[in-house]
Amino acid sequence: MKYLAAYLLLTIGGNAAPCASDITSLLATVGIEAESKRIEALIAQLAGKDINELIAEGTSKLASVPAGGAAAAAPAAGGAAAEEKAEEKKEEAKE
């Protein structure tokens, strides 16, 4: 993920086709040691492809994924206040 993120940052910054040394340099600025094999594999997969088109394709695929979930249960009323009082009593007892 960090290699793809670096690649995308470089493309947003105006570098239409970042090379391995560009990605390595960017990662080095934040203290990340890059693996050249992984960077080369990423560049090979993205070679000749338009990043904006790839993002658009991925977005359309995500639109078909169901993301509905159950609603969270409402917290019980007054629970936090009771915990605070208990902590205050413990602190007073220690003093």
PDB file of N, CA and C in Angstrom:
ATOM      1  N   MET A   1       0.815  -1.193   0.000  1.00  0.00           N
ATOM      2  CA  MET A   1       0.000   0.000   0.000  1.00  0.00           C
ATOM      3  C   MET A   1       0.858   1.256   0.000  1.00  0.00           C
ATOM      4  N   LYS A   2       1.954   1.223   0.764  1.00  0.00           N
ATOM      5  CA  LYS A   2       2.775   2.430   0.848  1.00  0.00           C
ATOM      6  C   LYS A   2       3.413   2.760  -0.493  1.00  0.00           C
ATOM      7  N   TYR A   3       3.702   1.746  -1.292  1.00  0.00           N
ATOM      8  CA  TYR A   3       4.302   2.001  -2.596  1.00  0.00           C
ATOM      9  C   TYR A   3       3.276   2.613  -3.550  1.00  0.00           C
ATOM     10  N   LEU A   4       2.070   2.095  -3.505  1.00  0.00           N
ATOM     11  CA  LEU A   4       1.003   2.657  -4.334  1.00  0.00           C
ATOM     12  C   LEU A   4       0.684   4.080  -3.891  1.00  0.00           C
ATOM     13  N   ALA A   5       0.652   4.310  -2.587  1.00  0.00           N
ATOM     14  CA  ALA A   5       0.386   5.658  -2.070  1.00  0.00           C
ATOM     15  C   ALA A   5       1.471   6.630  -2.531  1.00  0.00           C
ATOM     16  N   ALA A   6       2.718   6.204  -2.490  1.00  0.00           N
ATOM     17  CA  ALA A   6       3.814   7.060  -2.949  1.00  0.00           C
ATOM     18  C   ALA A   6       3.683   7.331  -4.442  1.00  0.00           C
ATOM     19  N   TYR A   7       3.330   6.313  -5.207  1.00  0.00           N
ATOM     20  CA  TYR A   7       3.139   6.472  -6.655  1.00  0.00           C
ATOM     21  C   TYR A   7       2.039   7.490  -6.927  1.00  0.00           C
ATOM     22  N   LEU A   8       0.923   7.361  -6.212  1.00  0.00           N
ATOM     23  CA  LEU A   8      -0.193   8.288  -6.409  1.00  0.00           C
ATOM     24  C   LEU A   8       0.175   9.707  -5.991  1.00  0.00           C
ATOM     25  N   LEU A   9       0.900   9.859  -4.900  1.00  0.00           N
ATOM     26  CA  LEU A   9       1.345  11.193  -4.482  1.00  0.00           C
ATOM     27  C   LEU A   9       2.226  11.843  -5.548  1.00  0.00           C
ATOM     28  N   LEU A  10       3.093  11.044  -6.131  1.00  0.00           N
ATOM     29  CA  LEU A  10       3.965  11.581  -7.174  1.00  0.00           C
ATOM     30  C   LEU A  10       3.173  11.985  -8.414  1.00  0.00           C
ATOM     31  N   THR A  11       2.161  11.193  -8.776  1.00  0.00           N
ATOM     32  CA  THR A  11       1.354  11.558  -9.949  1.00  0.00           C
ATOM     33  C   THR A  11       0.531  12.808  -9.675  1.00  0.00           C
ATOM     34  N   ILE A  12       0.015  12.925  -8.467  1.00  0.00           N
ATOM     35  CA  ILE A  12      -0.739  14.134  -8.106  1.00  0.00           C
ATOM     36  C   ILE A  12       0.189  15.348  -8.140  1.00  0.00           C
ATOM     37  N   GLY A  13       1.439  15.146  -7.778  1.00  0.00           N
ATOM     38  CA  GLY A  13       2.419  16.224  -7.767  1.00  0.00           C
ATOM     39  C   GLY A  13       2.917  16.621  -9.147  1.00  0.00           C
ATOM     40  N   GLY A  14       2.466  15.927 -10.184  1.00  0.00           N
ATOM     41  CA  GLY A  14       2.830  16.315 -11.538  1.00  0.00           C
ATOM     42  C   GLY A  14       3.735  15.344 -12.269  1.00  0.00           C
ATOM     43  N   ASN A  15       4.196  14.296 -11.613  1.00  0.00           N
ATOM     44  CA  ASN A  15       5.039  13.298 -12.262  1.00  0.00           C
ATOM     45  C   ASN A  15       4.120  12.240 -12.869  1.00  0.00           C
ATOM     46  N   ALA A  16       3.894  12.304 -14.186  1.00  0.00           N
ATOM     47  CA  ALA A  16       2.933  11.425 -14.851  1.00  0.00           C
ATOM     48  C   ALA A  16       3.336   9.954 -14.802  1.00  0.00           C
ATOM     49  N   ALA A  17       4.634   9.669 -14.781  1.00  0.00           N
ATOM     50  CA  ALA A  17       5.104   8.284 -14.764  1.00  0.00           C
ATOM     51  C   ALA A  17       6.288   8.160 -13.805  1.00  0.00           C
ATOM     52  N   PRO A  18       6.021   8.052 -12.508  1.00  0.00           N
ATOM     53  CA  PRO A  18       7.115   7.935 -11.535  1.00  0.00           C
ATOM     54  C   PRO A  18       7.932   6.663 -11.760  1.00  0.00           C
ATOM     55  N   CYS A  19       9.230   6.769 -11.593  1.00  0.00           N
ATOM     56  CA  CYS A  19      10.099   5.603 -11.706  1.00  0.00           C
ATOM     57  C   CYS A  19      10.446   5.101 -10.299  1.00  0.00           C
ATOM     58  N   ALA A  20      11.174   3.999 -10.250  1.00  0.00           N
ATOM     59  CA  ALA A  20      11.512   3.384  -8.965  1.00  0.00           C
ATOM     60  C   ALA A  20      12.304   4.334  -8.075  1.00  0.00           C
ATOM     61  N   SER A  21      13.216   5.083  -8.655  1.00  0.00           N
ATOM     62  CA  SER A  21      14.023   5.994  -7.834  1.00  0.00           C
ATOM     63  C   SER A  21      13.179   7.132  -7.269  1.00  0.00           C
ATOM     64  N   ASP A  22      12.157   7.561  -8.014  1.00  0.00           N
ATOM     65  CA  ASP A  22      11.253   8.600  -7.502  1.00  0.00           C
ATOM     66  C   ASP A  22      10.514   8.099  -6.263  1.00  0.00           C
ATOM     67  N   ILE A  23      10.001   6.882  -6.352  1.00  0.00           N
ATOM     68  CA  ILE A  23       9.248   6.301  -5.237  1.00  0.00           C
ATOM     69  C   ILE A  23      10.172   6.070  -4.044  1.00  0.00           C
ATOM     70  N   THR A  24      11.362   5.535  -4.302  1.00  0.00           N
ATOM     71  CA  THR A  24      12.331   5.288  -3.235  1.00  0.00           C
ATOM     72  C   THR A  24      12.709   6.585  -2.533  1.00  0.00           C
ATOM     73  N   SER A  25      12.933   7.636  -3.309  1.00  0.00           N
ATOM     74  CA  SER A  25      13.300   8.933  -2.730  1.00  0.00           C
ATOM     75  C   SER A  25      12.184   9.496  -1.868  1.00  0.00           C
ATOM     76  N   LEU A  26      10.957   9.395  -2.360  1.00  0.00           N
ATOM     77  CA  LEU A  26       9.819   9.910  -1.594  1.00  0.00           C
ATOM     78  C   LEU A  26       9.666   9.157  -0.276  1.00  0.00           C
ATOM     79  N   LEU A  27       9.751   7.841  -0.327  1.00  0.00           N
ATOM     80  CA  LEU A  27       9.620   7.047   0.894  1.00  0.00           C
ATOM     81  C   LEU A  27      10.768   7.324   1.864  1.00  0.00           C
ATOM     82  N   ALA A  28      11.954   7.571   1.343  1.00  0.00           N
ATOM     83  CA  ALA A  28      13.109   7.861   2.202  1.00  0.00           C
ATOM     84  C   ALA A  28      12.923   9.166   2.964  1.00  0.00           C
ATOM     85  N   THR A  29      12.183  10.111   2.391  1.00  0.00           N
ATOM     86  CA  THR A  29      11.975  11.389   3.080  1.00  0.00           C
ATOM     87  C   THR A  29      11.180  11.227   4.363  1.00  0.00           C
ATOM     88  N   VAL A  30      10.420  10.139   4.470  1.00  0.00           N
ATOM     89  CA  VAL A  30       9.646   9.898   5.690  1.00  0.00           C
ATOM     90  C   VAL A  30      10.187   8.698   6.475  1.00  0.00           C
ATOM     91  N   GLY A  31      11.407   8.277   6.137  1.00  0.00           N
ATOM     92  CA  GLY A  31      12.072   7.238   6.909  1.00  0.00           C
ATOM     93  C   GLY A  31      11.657   5.817   6.595  1.00  0.00           C
ATOM     94  N   ILE A  32      11.104   5.581   5.417  1.00  0.00           N
ATOM     95  CA  ILE A  32      10.690   4.228   5.039  1.00  0.00           C
ATOM     96  C   ILE A  32      11.726   3.648   4.091  1.00  0.00           C
ATOM     97  N   GLU A  33      12.219   2.450   4.424  1.00  0.00           N
ATOM     98  CA  GLU A  33      13.168   1.766   3.556  1.00  0.00           C
ATOM     99  C   GLU A  33      12.378   0.998   2.499  1.00  0.00           C
ATOM    100  N   ALA A  34      12.640   1.279   1.248  1.00  0.00           N
ATOM    101  CA  ALA A  34      11.865   0.704   0.148  1.00  0.00           C
ATOM    102  C   ALA A  34      12.454  -0.620  -0.325  1.00  0.00           C
ATOM    103  N   GLU A  35      11.570  -1.520  -0.752  1.00  0.00           N
ATOM    104  CA  GLU A  35      11.975  -2.791  -1.344  1.00  0.00           C
ATOM    105  C   GLU A  35      11.883  -2.640  -2.856  1.00  0.00           C
ATOM    106  N   SER A  36      13.013  -2.708  -3.528  1.00  0.00           N
ATOM    107  CA  SER A  36      13.046  -2.449  -4.966  1.00  0.00           C
ATOM    108  C   SER A  36      12.215  -3.452  -5.762  1.00  0.00           C
ATOM    109  N   LYS A  37      12.156  -4.704  -5.330  1.00  0.00           N
ATOM    110  CA  LYS A  37      11.366  -5.708  -6.056  1.00  0.00           C
ATOM    111  C   LYS A  37       9.885  -5.348  -6.057  1.00  0.00           C
ATOM    112  N   ARG A  38       9.390  -4.888  -4.929  1.00  0.00           N
ATOM    113  CA  ARG A  38       7.969  -4.534  -4.836  1.00  0.00           C
ATOM    114  C   ARG A  38       7.663  -3.292  -5.666  1.00  0.00           C
ATOM    115  N   ILE A  39       8.591  -2.348  -5.670  1.00  0.00           N
ATOM    116  CA  ILE A  39       8.389  -1.133  -6.460  1.00  0.00           C
ATOM    117  C   ILE A  39       8.390  -1.466  -7.946  1.00  0.00           C
ATOM    118  N   GLU A  40       9.326  -2.298  -8.367  1.00  0.00           N
ATOM    119  CA  GLU A  40       9.397  -2.689  -9.779  1.00  0.00           C
ATOM    120  C   GLU A  40       8.129  -3.434 -10.196  1.00  0.00           C
ATOM    121  N   ALA A  41       7.604  -4.292  -9.315  1.00  0.00           N
ATOM    122  CA  ALA A  41       6.365  -5.017  -9.620  1.00  0.00           C
ATOM    123  C   ALA A  41       5.199  -4.043  -9.778  1.00  0.00           C
ATOM    124  N   LEU A  42       5.131  -3.049  -8.912  1.00  0.00           N
ATOM    125  CA  LEU A  42       4.069  -2.044  -9.002  1.00  0.00           C
ATOM    126  C   LEU A  42       4.172  -1.263 -10.305  1.00  0.00           C
ATOM    127  N   ILE A  43       5.366  -0.825 -10.638  1.00  0.00           N
ATOM    128  CA  ILE A  43       5.560  -0.054 -11.863  1.00  0.00           C
ATOM    129  C   ILE A  43       5.210  -0.900 -13.087  1.00  0.00           C
ATOM    130  N   ALA A  44       5.559  -2.185 -13.057  1.00  0.00           N
ATOM    131  CA  ALA A  44       5.227  -3.074 -14.173  1.00  0.00           C
ATOM    132  C   ALA A  44       3.712  -3.217 -14.326  1.00  0.00           C
ATOM    133  N   GLN A  45       2.991  -3.306 -13.210  1.00  0.00           N
ATOM    134  CA  GLN A  45       1.532  -3.441 -13.267  1.00  0.00           C
ATOM    135  C   GLN A  45       0.861  -2.171 -13.763  1.00  0.00           C
ATOM    136  N   LEU A  46       1.446  -1.018 -13.467  1.00  0.00           N
ATOM    137  CA  LEU A  46       0.837   0.254 -13.845  1.00  0.00           C
ATOM    138  C   LEU A  46       1.373   0.817 -15.160  1.00  0.00           C
ATOM    139  N   ALA A  47       2.332   0.145 -15.770  1.00  0.00           N
ATOM    140  CA  ALA A  47       2.956   0.648 -16.997  1.00  0.00           C
ATOM    141  C   ALA A  47       1.923   0.804 -18.110  1.00  0.00           C
ATOM    142  N   GLY A  48       1.904   1.981 -18.704  1.00  0.00           N
ATOM    143  CA  GLY A  48       1.018   2.251 -19.832  1.00  0.00           C
ATOM    144  C   GLY A  48      -0.434   2.476 -19.465  1.00  0.00           C
ATOM    145  N   LYS A  49      -0.731   2.554 -18.189  1.00  0.00           N
ATOM    146  CA  LYS A  49      -2.114   2.744 -17.746  1.00  0.00           C
ATOM    147  C   LYS A  49      -2.289   4.143 -17.175  1.00  0.00           C
ATOM    148  N   ASP A  50      -3.468   4.697 -17.387  1.00  0.00           N
ATOM    149  CA  ASP A  50      -3.789   6.017 -16.851  1.00  0.00           C
ATOM    150  C   ASP A  50      -4.358   5.846 -15.444  1.00  0.00           C
ATOM    151  N   ILE A  51      -3.727   6.482 -14.480  1.00  0.00           N
ATOM    152  CA  ILE A  51      -4.145   6.358 -13.077  1.00  0.00           C
ATOM    153  C   ILE A  51      -5.590   6.787 -12.888  1.00  0.00           C
ATOM    154  N   ASN A  52      -5.993   7.872 -13.518  1.00  0.00           N
ATOM    155  CA  ASN A  52      -7.368   8.358 -13.356  1.00  0.00           C
ATOM    156  C   ASN A  52      -8.387   7.343 -13.863  1.00  0.00           C
ATOM    157  N   GLU A  53      -8.070   6.650 -14.954  1.00  0.00           N
ATOM    158  CA  GLU A  53      -8.968   5.614 -15.466  1.00  0.00           C
ATOM    159  C   GLU A  53      -9.031   4.429 -14.504  1.00  0.00           C
ATOM    160  N   LEU A  54      -7.886   4.055 -13.938  1.00  0.00           N
ATOM    161  CA  LEU A  54      -7.862   2.946 -12.978  1.00  0.00           C
ATOM    162  C   LEU A  54      -8.687   3.272 -11.738  1.00  0.00           C
ATOM    163  N   ILE A  55      -8.579   4.502 -11.273  1.00  0.00           N
ATOM    164  CA  ILE A  55      -9.354   4.917 -10.103  1.00  0.00           C
ATOM    165  C   ILE A  55     -10.840   4.903 -10.427  1.00  0.00           C
ATOM    166  N   ALA A  56     -11.210   5.368 -11.618  1.00  0.00           N
ATOM    167  CA  ALA A  56     -12.619   5.368 -12.029  1.00  0.00           C
ATOM    168  C   ALA A  56     -13.162   3.942 -12.110  1.00  0.00           C
ATOM    169  N   GLU A  57     -12.370   3.016 -12.654  1.00  0.00           N
ATOM    170  CA  GLU A  57     -12.784   1.612 -12.717  1.00  0.00           C
ATOM    171  C   GLU A  57     -12.986   1.043 -11.314  1.00  0.00           C
ATOM    172  N   GLY A  58     -12.053   1.322 -10.435  1.00  0.00           N
ATOM    173  CA  GLY A  58     -12.149   0.821  -9.065  1.00  0.00           C
ATOM    174  C   GLY A  58     -13.343   1.385  -8.330  1.00  0.00           C
ATOM    175  N   THR A  59     -13.639   2.654  -8.573  1.00  0.00           N
ATOM    176  CA  THR A  59     -14.783   3.290  -7.926  1.00  0.00           C
ATOM    177  C   THR A  59     -16.080   2.638  -8.370  1.00  0.00           C
ATOM    178  N   SER A  60     -16.185   2.325  -9.655  1.00  0.00           N
ATOM    179  CA  SER A  60     -17.409   1.686 -10.143  1.00  0.00           C
ATOM    180  C   SER A  60     -17.552   0.282  -9.565  1.00  0.00           C
ATOM    181  N   LYS A  61     -16.442  -0.406  -9.352  1.00  0.00           N
ATOM    182  CA  LYS A  61     -16.505  -1.735  -8.737  1.00  0.00           C
ATOM    183  C   LYS A  61     -16.935  -1.639  -7.276  1.00  0.00           C
ATOM    184  N   LEU A  62     -16.456  -0.619  -6.571  1.00  0.00           N
ATOM    185  CA  LEU A  62     -16.835  -0.447  -5.168  1.00  0.00           C
ATOM    186  C   LEU A  62     -18.311  -0.105  -5.021  1.00  0.00           C
ATOM    187  N   ALA A  63     -18.878   0.538  -6.021  1.00  0.00           N
ATOM    188  CA  ALA A  63     -20.286   0.923  -5.955  1.00  0.00           C
ATOM    189  C   ALA A  63     -21.189  -0.300  -5.899  1.00  0.00           C
ATOM    190  N   SER A  64     -20.731  -1.433  -6.434  1.00  0.00           N
ATOM    191  CA  SER A  64     -21.556  -2.632  -6.444  1.00  0.00           C
ATOM    192  C   SER A  64     -21.403  -3.473  -5.181  1.00  0.00           C
ATOM    193  N   VAL A  65     -20.520  -3.094  -4.291  1.00  0.00           N
ATOM    194  CA  VAL A  65     -20.299  -3.842  -3.052  1.00  0.00           C
ATOM    195  C   VAL A  65     -21.294  -3.373  -1.996  1.00  0.00           C
ATOM    196  N   PRO A  66     -22.057  -4.303  -1.427  1.00  0.00           N
ATOM    197  CA  PRO A  66     -22.992  -3.886  -0.378  1.00  0.00           C
ATOM    198  C   PRO A  66     -22.228  -3.446   0.865  1.00  0.00           C
ATOM    199  N   ALA A  67     -22.625  -2.323   1.408  1.00  0.00           N
ATOM    200  CA  ALA A  67     -21.920  -1.790   2.572  1.00  0.00           C
ATOM    201  C   ALA A  67     -22.866  -1.485   3.721  1.00  0.00           C
ATOM    202  N   GLY A  68     -24.061  -2.025   3.665  1.00  0.00           N
ATOM    203  CA  GLY A  68     -25.018  -1.768   4.737  1.00  0.00           C
ATOM    204  C   GLY A  68     -24.648  -2.548   5.985  1.00  0.00           C
ATOM    205  N   GLY A  69     -24.829  -1.923   7.107  1.00  0.00           N
ATOM    206  CA  GLY A  69     -24.534  -2.593   8.365  1.00  0.00           C
ATOM    207  C   GLY A  69     -25.627  -2.299   9.361  1.00  0.00           C
ATOM    208  N   ALA A  70     -25.618  -3.018  10.422  1.00  0.00           N
ATOM    209  CA  ALA A  70     -26.607  -2.800  11.469  1.00  0.00           C
ATOM    210  C   ALA A  70     -26.296  -1.506  12.201  1.00  0.00           C
ATOM    211  N   ALA A  71     -27.339  -0.869  12.663  1.00  0.00           N
ATOM    212  CA  ALA A  71     -27.166   0.366  13.432  1.00  0.00           C
ATOM    213  C   ALA A  71     -26.592   0.029  14.804  1.00  0.00           C
ATOM    214  N   ALA A  72     -25.782   0.902  15.313  1.00  0.00           N
ATOM    215  CA  ALA A  72     -25.181   0.696  16.626  1.00  0.00           C
ATOM    216  C   ALA A  72     -26.236   0.870  17.712  1.00  0.00           C
ATOM    217  N   ALA A  73     -26.109   0.100  18.756  1.00  0.00           N
ATOM    218  CA  ALA A  73     -27.044   0.200  19.870  1.00  0.00           C
ATOM    219  C   ALA A  73     -26.787   1.483  20.643  1.00  0.00           C
ATOM    220  N   ALA A  74     -27.838   2.071  21.142  1.00  0.00           N
ATOM    221  CA  ALA A  74     -27.713   3.302  21.927  1.00  0.00           C
ATOM    222  C   ALA A  74     -27.106   2.972  23.286  1.00  0.00           C
ATOM    223  N   PRO A  75     -26.170   3.776  23.767  1.00  0.00           N
ATOM    224  CA  PRO A  75     -25.562   3.511  25.072  1.00  0.00           C
ATOM    225  C   PRO A  75     -26.565   3.746  26.203  1.00  0.00           C
ATOM    226  N   ALA A  76     -26.357   3.057  27.290  1.00  0.00           N
ATOM    227  CA  ALA A  76     -27.225   3.223  28.453  1.00  0.00           C
ATOM    228  C   ALA A  76     -27.009   4.608  29.049  1.00  0.00           C
ATOM    229  N   ALA A  77     -28.063   5.227  29.475  1.00  0.00           N
ATOM    230  CA  ALA A  77     -27.983   6.582  30.025  1.00  0.00           C
ATOM    231  C   ALA A  77     -27.314   6.570  31.389  1.00  0.00           C
ATOM    232  N   GLY A  78     -26.432   7.531  31.607  1.00  0.00           N
ATOM    233  CA  GLY A  78     -25.837   7.719  32.927  1.00  0.00           C
ATOM    234  C   GLY A  78     -24.672   6.827  33.253  1.00  0.00           C
ATOM    235  N   GLY A  79     -24.265   5.967  32.379  1.00  0.00           N
ATOM    236  CA  GLY A  79     -23.161   5.062  32.668  1.00  0.00           C
ATOM    237  C   GLY A  79     -21.853   5.787  32.888  1.00  0.00           C
ATOM    238  N   ALA A  80     -21.584   6.779  32.094  1.00  0.00           N
ATOM    239  CA  ALA A  80     -20.322   7.510  32.201  1.00  0.00           C
ATOM    240  C   ALA A  80     -20.254   8.304  33.498  1.00  0.00           C
ATOM    241  N   ALA A  81     -21.358   8.892  33.904  1.00  0.00           N
ATOM    242  CA  ALA A  81     -21.375   9.683  35.133  1.00  0.00           C
ATOM    243  C   ALA A  81     -21.084   8.802  36.346  1.00  0.00           C
ATOM    244  N   ALA A  82     -21.634   7.603  36.368  1.00  0.00           N
ATOM    245  CA  ALA A  82     -21.398   6.694  37.482  1.00  0.00           C
ATOM    246  C   ALA A  82     -19.927   6.285  37.538  1.00  0.00           C
ATOM    247  N   GLU A  83     -19.319   6.065  36.379  1.00  0.00           N
ATOM    248  CA  GLU A  83     -17.909   5.694  36.345  1.00  0.00           C
ATOM    249  C   GLU A  83     -17.039   6.835  36.857  1.00  0.00           C
ATOM    250  N   GLU A  84     -17.363   8.068  36.494  1.00  0.00           N
ATOM    251  CA  GLU A  84     -16.593   9.220  36.946  1.00  0.00           C
ATOM    252  C   GLU A  84     -16.654   9.351  38.461  1.00  0.00           C
ATOM    253  N   LYS A  85     -17.829   9.156  39.050  1.00  0.00           N
ATOM    254  CA  LYS A  85     -17.978   9.248  40.496  1.00  0.00           C
ATOM    255  C   LYS A  85     -17.152   8.171  41.188  1.00  0.00           C
ATOM    256  N   ALA A  86     -17.149   6.968  40.617  1.00  0.00           N
ATOM    257  CA  ALA A  86     -16.385   5.877  41.206  1.00  0.00           C
ATOM    258  C   ALA A  86     -14.894   6.199  41.172  1.00  0.00           C
ATOM    259  N   GLU A  87     -14.417   6.780  40.074  1.00  0.00           N
ATOM    260  CA  GLU A  87     -13.007   7.142  39.968  1.00  0.00           C
ATOM    261  C   GLU A  87     -12.654   8.238  40.967  1.00  0.00           C
ATOM    262  N   GLU A  88     -13.555   9.211  41.161  1.00  0.00           N
ATOM    263  CA  GLU A  88     -13.308  10.288  42.108  1.00  0.00           C
ATOM    264  C   GLU A  88     -13.191   9.731  43.522  1.00  0.00           C
ATOM    265  N   LYS A  89     -14.044   8.776  43.878  1.00  0.00           N
ATOM    266  CA  LYS A  89     -14.000   8.180  45.205  1.00  0.00           C
ATOM    267  C   LYS A  89     -12.684   7.450  45.420  1.00  0.00           C
ATOM    268  N   LYS A  90     -12.189   6.753  44.382  1.00  0.00           N
ATOM    269  CA  LYS A  90     -10.925   6.037  44.500  1.00  0.00           C
ATOM    270  C   LYS A  90      -9.777   7.015  44.719  1.00  0.00           C
ATOM    271  N   GLU A  91      -9.799   8.132  43.993  1.00  0.00           N
ATOM    272  CA  GLU A  91      -8.745   9.133  44.130  1.00  0.00           C
ATOM    273  C   GLU A  91      -8.764   9.750  45.525  1.00  0.00           C
ATOM    274  N   GLU A  92      -9.951  10.021  46.059  1.00  0.00           N
ATOM    275  CA  GLU A  92     -10.067  10.603  47.390  1.00  0.00           C
ATOM    276  C   GLU A  92      -9.550   9.629  48.440  1.00  0.00           C
ATOM    277  N   ALA A  93      -9.823   8.356  48.251  1.00  0.00           N
ATOM    278  CA  ALA A  93      -9.388   7.353  49.211  1.00  0.00           C
ATOM    279  C   ALA A  93      -7.864   7.237  49.223  1.00  0.00           C
ATOM    280  N   LYS A  94      -7.224   7.413  48.082  1.00  0.00           N
ATOM    281  CA  LYS A  94      -5.770   7.313  47.993  1.00  0.00           C
ATOM    282  C   LYS A  94      -5.092   8.479  48.697  1.00  0.00           C
ATOM    283  N   GLU A  95      -5.713   9.656  48.682  1.00  0.00           N
ATOM    284  CA  GLU A  95      -5.122  10.837  49.292  1.00  0.00           C
ATOM    285  C   GLU A  95      -5.208  10.701  50.775  1.00  0.00           C
TER     286      GLU A  95
END
